[in-house]
Amino acid sequence: MKGKLTTKIIVGVLAIGGALAYFVYTAMQSAAAYYISVDEFAVKKTLAQTHTFRIAGNVGKGTVARDLKEMLLQFDLVGTDVSLPVHYRGVVPENFAEEREVVIEGKLATDGIFHADKLMTRCESKYEQKLQESE
């Protein structure tokens, strides 16, 4: 009787531990995204459809198109030598603007359009001002 109880406890602990390990593993996989520039991404396009990427670049001037009904934002992410068409569906950050530096995260579709799941903007002058005020 005591042996059966011990076996059940061991099996239960192993099942819970295995499930926990699986959840940690999947969470780390989704958080592991490459962070590169648009120009570097152009070189790595062979990996693009199988990996999630974080890409930094500037919003191309005159490339922004918004569909408020569908909550779709389209723009070109511009680097030094290349540009990448981007589609983002979701809430657009308040300080999103043309020629502003942004970071996108997502995957490249087979049609050559990068489908971003996340869109983050940077405003260095705002951060520099806060640093100066705190000194």
Foldseek 3Di string as FASTA:
>chain_A
DVVVVVVVVVVVVVVVVVVVVVVVVVVVQVVDAAEEEPVVCVVVVVCQAVGKHKYKAFWAPPAWDADVVQQWIWTWGDDDPDIAIEIEHDDDDPPDDGRFMKIFIAGQDPVRHGYGDDIGTDDVVVVVVVVVVVD
